[in-house]
Amino acid sequence: MVVGKLVDGSADVLAAVLLDAAGSVLASSDEDSDRSRELADLARRLVESADLASAEPVEQIEVQVAGGATFAVRGPRHILACVTRRAALPALVLYDLRHALAELERSA
């Protein structure tokens, strides 16, 4: 699945979650359902907060903090988000997320 490929394909991606447009968890790299729901809730709130700060719906988000980063991309039917190590290259992570989301949207 998409989230497994993201985590397995990068040493910098620590966790990933896929949500539907309503914000429900479709897939998570974490097998713990409570942690998956928590990550999904945080991703959903991140997207909602970014939308409040913008005149248009936000398509991609990058948040950097001292210990790492969070990235999210949104398509018409899905939100794909991940948490990375600080050393992750933002352009590469966003490219991977957009590419994975585009593949998912095409297959849906």
N, C-alpha and C. Protein backbone atom coordinates (compact mmCIF):
# COMPACT_ATOMS: atom_id res chain seq x y z
N MET A 1 0.83 -1.19 0.00
CA MET A 1 0.00 0.00 0.00
C MET A 1 0.87 1.25 0.00
N VAL A 2 0.27 2.36 -0.24
CA VAL A 2 0.96 3.64 -0.39
C VAL A 2 1.80 4.00 0.84
N VAL A 3 1.23 3.90 2.03
CA VAL A 3 1.96 4.31 3.23
C VAL A 3 3.15 3.41 3.50
N GLY A 4 3.01 2.13 3.24
CA GLY A 4 4.13 1.21 3.42
C GLY A 4 5.27 1.53 2.49
N LYS A 5 4.95 1.87 1.25
CA LYS A 5 5.99 2.23 0.28
C LYS A 5 6.74 3.48 0.71
N LEU A 6 6.02 4.46 1.27
CA LEU A 6 6.67 5.69 1.71
C LEU A 6 7.65 5.43 2.84
N VAL A 7 7.23 4.67 3.83
CA VAL A 7 8.09 4.40 4.98
C VAL A 7 9.24 3.47 4.59
N ASP A 8 8.94 2.43 3.83
CA ASP A 8 9.98 1.48 3.43
C ASP A 8 10.97 2.09 2.43
N GLY A 9 10.50 3.04 1.64
CA GLY A 9 11.33 3.61 0.58
C GLY A 9 12.23 4.75 1.02
N SER A 10 12.13 5.18 2.27
CA SER A 10 12.94 6.30 2.73
C SER A 10 13.37 6.08 4.17
N ALA A 11 14.64 6.27 4.42
CA ALA A 11 15.15 6.16 5.79
C ALA A 11 14.69 7.34 6.64
N ASP A 12 14.23 8.42 5.99
CA ASP A 12 13.82 9.62 6.72
C ASP A 12 12.35 9.65 7.09
N VAL A 13 11.50 8.88 6.41
CA VAL A 13 10.08 8.87 6.72
C VAL A 13 9.84 7.90 7.87
N LEU A 14 9.34 8.43 8.97
CA LEU A 14 9.14 7.63 10.18
C LEU A 14 7.74 7.02 10.26
N ALA A 15 6.74 7.73 9.76
CA ALA A 15 5.36 7.25 9.81
C ALA A 15 4.56 7.95 8.72
N ALA A 16 3.52 7.27 8.25
CA ALA A 16 2.67 7.86 7.22
C ALA A 16 1.23 7.41 7.44
N VAL A 17 0.31 8.23 6.98
CA VAL A 17 -1.10 7.92 7.12
C VAL A 17 -1.85 8.41 5.88
N LEU A 18 -2.84 7.64 5.48
CA LEU A 18 -3.70 7.99 4.35
C LEU A 18 -5.12 8.17 4.87
N LEU A 19 -5.71 9.30 4.55
CA LEU A 19 -7.07 9.62 4.97
C LEU A 19 -7.96 9.79 3.74
N ASP A 20 -9.26 9.55 3.92
CA ASP A 20 -10.18 9.90 2.85
C ASP A 20 -10.50 11.39 2.99
N ALA A 21 -11.29 11.93 2.07
CA ALA A 21 -11.57 13.36 2.06
C ALA A 21 -12.27 13.82 3.34
N ALA A 22 -13.01 12.92 4.00
CA ALA A 22 -13.71 13.26 5.24
C ALA A 22 -12.78 13.17 6.45
N GLY A 23 -11.56 12.66 6.27
CA GLY A 23 -10.60 12.56 7.36
C GLY A 23 -10.54 11.23 8.07
N SER A 24 -11.21 10.21 7.54
CA SER A 24 -11.15 8.87 8.14
C SER A 24 -9.89 8.15 7.70
N VAL A 25 -9.33 7.34 8.58
CA VAL A 25 -8.10 6.59 8.28
C VAL A 25 -8.41 5.48 7.27
N LEU A 26 -7.66 5.48 6.18
CA LEU A 26 -7.74 4.40 5.20
C LEU A 26 -6.57 3.45 5.34
N ALA A 27 -5.41 4.00 5.69
CA ALA A 27 -4.20 3.18 5.86
C ALA A 27 -3.21 3.94 6.73
N SER A 28 -2.40 3.16 7.44
CA SER A 28 -1.38 3.75 8.31
C SER A 28 -0.17 2.84 8.34
N SER A 29 0.99 3.44 8.47
CA SER A 29 2.21 2.65 8.59
C SER A 29 2.36 2.08 10.00
N ASP A 30 1.59 2.58 10.94
CA ASP A 30 1.65 2.11 12.32
C ASP A 30 0.58 1.05 12.54
N GLU A 31 0.95 -0.08 13.05
CA GLU A 31 0.01 -1.16 13.28
C GLU A 31 -0.87 -0.94 14.51
N ASP A 32 -0.47 -0.04 15.37
CA ASP A 32 -1.25 0.29 16.57
C ASP A 32 -2.41 1.19 16.16
N SER A 33 -3.64 0.72 16.33
CA SER A 33 -4.80 1.48 15.86
C SER A 33 -4.98 2.80 16.60
N ASP A 34 -4.64 2.86 17.88
CA ASP A 34 -4.75 4.12 18.62
C ASP A 34 -3.76 5.15 18.08
N ARG A 35 -2.53 4.73 17.84
CA ARG A 35 -1.54 5.66 17.28
C ARG A 35 -1.91 6.06 15.87
N SER A 36 -2.47 5.15 15.09
CA SER A 36 -2.91 5.48 13.73
C SER A 36 -4.00 6.54 13.76
N ARG A 37 -4.96 6.37 14.66
CA ARG A 37 -6.04 7.37 14.78
C ARG A 37 -5.49 8.72 15.24
N GLU A 38 -4.53 8.69 16.15
CA GLU A 38 -3.93 9.93 16.63
C GLU A 38 -3.18 10.65 15.50
N LEU A 39 -2.40 9.90 14.74
CA LEU A 39 -1.69 10.50 13.60
C LEU A 39 -2.67 11.05 12.57
N ALA A 40 -3.74 10.30 12.32
CA ALA A 40 -4.76 10.77 11.37
C ALA A 40 -5.43 12.04 11.87
N ASP A 41 -5.74 12.09 13.17
CA ASP A 41 -6.37 13.28 13.73
C ASP A 41 -5.44 14.49 13.62
N LEU A 42 -4.17 14.29 13.91
CA LEU A 42 -3.20 15.39 13.79
C LEU A 42 -3.08 15.85 12.34
N ALA A 43 -3.04 14.92 11.40
CA ALA A 43 -2.96 15.28 9.97
C ALA A 43 -4.20 16.05 9.54
N ARG A 44 -5.36 15.58 9.96
CA ARG A 44 -6.61 16.24 9.62
C ARG A 44 -6.65 17.67 10.18
N ARG A 45 -6.23 17.82 11.44
CA ARG A 45 -6.21 19.16 12.06
C ARG A 45 -5.18 20.07 11.39
N LEU A 46 -4.06 19.51 10.97
CA LEU A 46 -3.05 20.29 10.26
C LEU A 46 -3.64 20.86 8.96
N VAL A 47 -4.31 20.02 8.20
CA VAL A 47 -4.92 20.47 6.94
C VAL A 47 -6.01 21.50 7.21
N GLU A 48 -6.85 21.26 8.20
CA GLU A 48 -7.91 22.21 8.53
C GLU A 48 -7.33 23.56 8.95
N SER A 49 -6.27 23.54 9.76
CA SER A 49 -5.63 24.79 10.20
C SER A 49 -5.00 25.54 9.04
N ALA A 50 -4.36 24.80 8.14
CA ALA A 50 -3.75 25.44 6.97
C ALA A 50 -4.84 26.08 6.10
N ASP A 51 -5.96 25.41 5.95
CA ASP A 51 -7.06 25.96 5.16
C ASP A 51 -7.61 27.25 5.77
N LEU A 52 -7.67 27.31 7.09
CA LEU A 52 -8.15 28.53 7.76
C LEU A 52 -7.24 29.72 7.49
N ALA A 53 -5.96 29.45 7.28
CA ALA A 53 -4.99 30.52 7.05
C ALA A 53 -4.85 30.91 5.58
N SER A 54 -5.59 30.25 4.70
CA SER A 54 -5.45 30.47 3.27
C SER A 54 -6.81 30.77 2.64
N ALA A 55 -6.78 31.56 1.58
CA ALA A 55 -8.02 31.86 0.85
C ALA A 55 -8.46 30.68 0.00
N GLU A 56 -7.55 29.82 -0.35
CA GLU A 56 -7.81 28.62 -1.18
C GLU A 56 -7.50 27.37 -0.37
N PRO A 57 -8.15 26.24 -0.70
CA PRO A 57 -7.77 24.99 -0.02
C PRO A 57 -6.28 24.68 -0.27
N VAL A 58 -5.59 24.32 0.78
CA VAL A 58 -4.15 24.05 0.70
C VAL A 58 -3.93 22.67 0.11
N GLU A 59 -3.02 22.57 -0.86
CA GLU A 59 -2.74 21.28 -1.51
C GLU A 59 -1.54 20.58 -0.91
N GLN A 60 -0.60 21.33 -0.34
CA GLN A 60 0.56 20.71 0.30
C GLN A 60 1.00 21.54 1.48
N ILE A 61 1.52 20.84 2.49
CA ILE A 61 1.92 21.48 3.74
C ILE A 61 3.27 20.92 4.17
N GLU A 62 4.09 21.80 4.71
CA GLU A 62 5.38 21.41 5.29
C GLU A 62 5.53 22.14 6.62
N VAL A 63 5.76 21.40 7.68
CA VAL A 63 5.97 21.99 9.00
C VAL A 63 7.30 21.45 9.52
N GLN A 64 8.23 22.35 9.81
CA GLN A 64 9.54 21.97 10.34
C GLN A 64 9.61 22.34 11.81
N VAL A 65 10.11 21.43 12.62
CA VAL A 65 10.39 21.70 14.03
C VAL A 65 11.80 21.20 14.32
N ALA A 66 12.27 21.45 15.52
CA ALA A 66 13.66 21.11 15.85
C ALA A 66 13.98 19.63 15.61
N GLY A 67 13.06 18.72 15.93
CA GLY A 67 13.37 17.30 15.85
C GLY A 67 12.94 16.60 14.58
N GLY A 68 12.23 17.28 13.69
CA GLY A 68 11.76 16.62 12.48
C GLY A 68 10.80 17.49 11.69
N ALA A 69 9.98 16.85 10.90
CA ALA A 69 9.05 17.60 10.05
C ALA A 69 7.81 16.77 9.78
N THR A 70 6.75 17.46 9.40
CA THR A 70 5.52 16.82 8.97
C THR A 70 5.17 17.39 7.61
N PHE A 71 4.76 16.52 6.72
CA PHE A 71 4.37 16.91 5.37
C PHE A 71 2.99 16.33 5.09
N ALA A 72 2.20 17.04 4.30
CA ALA A 72 0.90 16.53 3.89
C ALA A 72 0.59 17.04 2.49
N VAL A 73 -0.06 16.20 1.70
CA VAL A 73 -0.57 16.60 0.39
C VAL A 73 -2.02 16.15 0.31
N ARG A 74 -2.80 16.90 -0.47
CA ARG A 74 -4.22 16.60 -0.57
C ARG A 74 -4.64 16.56 -2.03
N GLY A 75 -5.45 15.58 -2.35
CA GLY A 75 -6.08 15.47 -3.65
C GLY A 75 -7.58 15.57 -3.48
N PRO A 76 -8.33 15.35 -4.54
CA PRO A 76 -9.79 15.45 -4.44
C PRO A 76 -10.41 14.42 -3.48
N ARG A 77 -9.78 13.25 -3.34
CA ARG A 77 -10.38 12.19 -2.52
C ARG A 77 -9.55 11.74 -1.33
N HIS A 78 -8.29 12.21 -1.23
CA HIS A 78 -7.41 11.70 -0.19
C HIS A 78 -6.49 12.77 0.38
N ILE A 79 -6.02 12.50 1.59
CA ILE A 79 -4.95 13.26 2.22
C ILE A 79 -3.87 12.25 2.58
N LEU A 80 -2.64 12.54 2.22
CA LEU A 80 -1.51 11.67 2.54
C LEU A 80 -0.53 12.50 3.35
N ALA A 81 -0.20 12.03 4.54
CA ALA A 81 0.69 12.78 5.42
C ALA A 81 1.78 11.87 5.97
N CYS A 82 2.91 12.48 6.30
CA CYS A 82 4.00 11.71 6.90
C CYS A 82 4.79 12.56 7.87
N VAL A 83 5.48 11.88 8.78
CA VAL A 83 6.39 12.48 9.74
C VAL A 83 7.78 12.01 9.36
N THR A 84 8.75 12.95 9.37
CA THR A 84 10.10 12.61 8.94
C THR A 84 11.14 13.05 9.98
N ARG A 85 12.33 12.52 9.78
CA ARG A 85 13.49 13.01 10.54
C ARG A 85 13.80 14.43 10.07
N ARG A 86 14.54 15.15 10.85
CA ARG A 86 14.91 16.54 10.51
C ARG A 86 15.74 16.61 9.23
N ALA A 87 16.54 15.59 8.97
CA ALA A 87 17.44 15.62 7.82
C ALA A 87 16.74 15.37 6.48
N ALA A 88 15.45 15.07 6.49
CA ALA A 88 14.74 14.78 5.25
C ALA A 88 14.77 15.99 4.32
N LEU A 89 14.91 15.73 3.04
CA LEU A 89 14.90 16.80 2.04
C LEU A 89 13.44 17.12 1.68
N PRO A 90 12.97 18.32 2.01
CA PRO A 90 11.56 18.65 1.79
C PRO A 90 11.09 18.45 0.35
N ALA A 91 11.88 18.88 -0.61
CA ALA A 91 11.46 18.74 -2.01
C ALA A 91 11.27 17.27 -2.38
N LEU A 92 12.14 16.42 -1.90
CA LEU A 92 12.05 14.99 -2.20
C LEU A 92 10.84 14.36 -1.51
N VAL A 93 10.62 14.70 -0.26
CA VAL A 93 9.47 14.15 0.47
C VAL A 93 8.17 14.59 -0.20
N LEU A 94 8.05 15.87 -0.53
CA LEU A 94 6.83 16.35 -1.18
C LEU A 94 6.65 15.72 -2.55
N TYR A 95 7.74 15.52 -3.28
CA TYR A 95 7.65 14.83 -4.57
C TYR A 95 7.10 13.41 -4.38
N ASP A 96 7.67 12.69 -3.43
CA ASP A 96 7.21 11.32 -3.17
C ASP A 96 5.74 11.28 -2.76
N LEU A 97 5.34 12.20 -1.90
CA LEU A 97 3.94 12.26 -1.48
C LEU A 97 3.01 12.57 -2.65
N ARG A 98 3.36 13.58 -3.45
CA ARG A 98 2.52 13.94 -4.60
C ARG A 98 2.44 12.79 -5.60
N HIS A 99 3.56 12.13 -5.85
CA HIS A 99 3.60 11.02 -6.79
C HIS A 99 2.73 9.86 -6.29
N ALA A 100 2.85 9.52 -5.02
CA ALA A 100 2.05 8.44 -4.44
C ALA A 100 0.57 8.79 -4.47
N LEU A 101 0.24 10.03 -4.17
CA LEU A 101 -1.16 10.44 -4.18
C LEU A 101 -1.73 10.43 -5.60
N ALA A 102 -0.94 10.86 -6.57
CA ALA A 102 -1.39 10.85 -7.96
C ALA A 102 -1.65 9.40 -8.42
N GLU A 103 -0.79 8.47 -8.06
CA GLU A 103 -1.01 7.06 -8.41
C GLU A 103 -2.29 6.55 -7.76
N LEU A 104 -2.49 6.91 -6.53
CA LEU A 104 -3.68 6.48 -5.81
C LEU A 104 -4.95 7.06 -6.45
N GLU A 105 -4.93 8.31 -6.78
CA GLU A 105 -6.09 8.97 -7.40
C GLU A 105 -6.39 8.35 -8.76
N ARG A 106 -5.35 8.01 -9.52
CA ARG A 106 -5.57 7.40 -10.83
C ARG A 106 -6.21 6.00 -10.71
N SER A 107 -5.83 5.27 -9.67
CA SER A 107 -6.33 3.91 -9.52
C SER A 107 -7.71 3.86 -8.86
N ALA A 108 -8.13 4.96 -8.28
CA ALA A 108 -9.45 4.98 -7.58
C ALA A 108 -10.61 5.15 -8.56
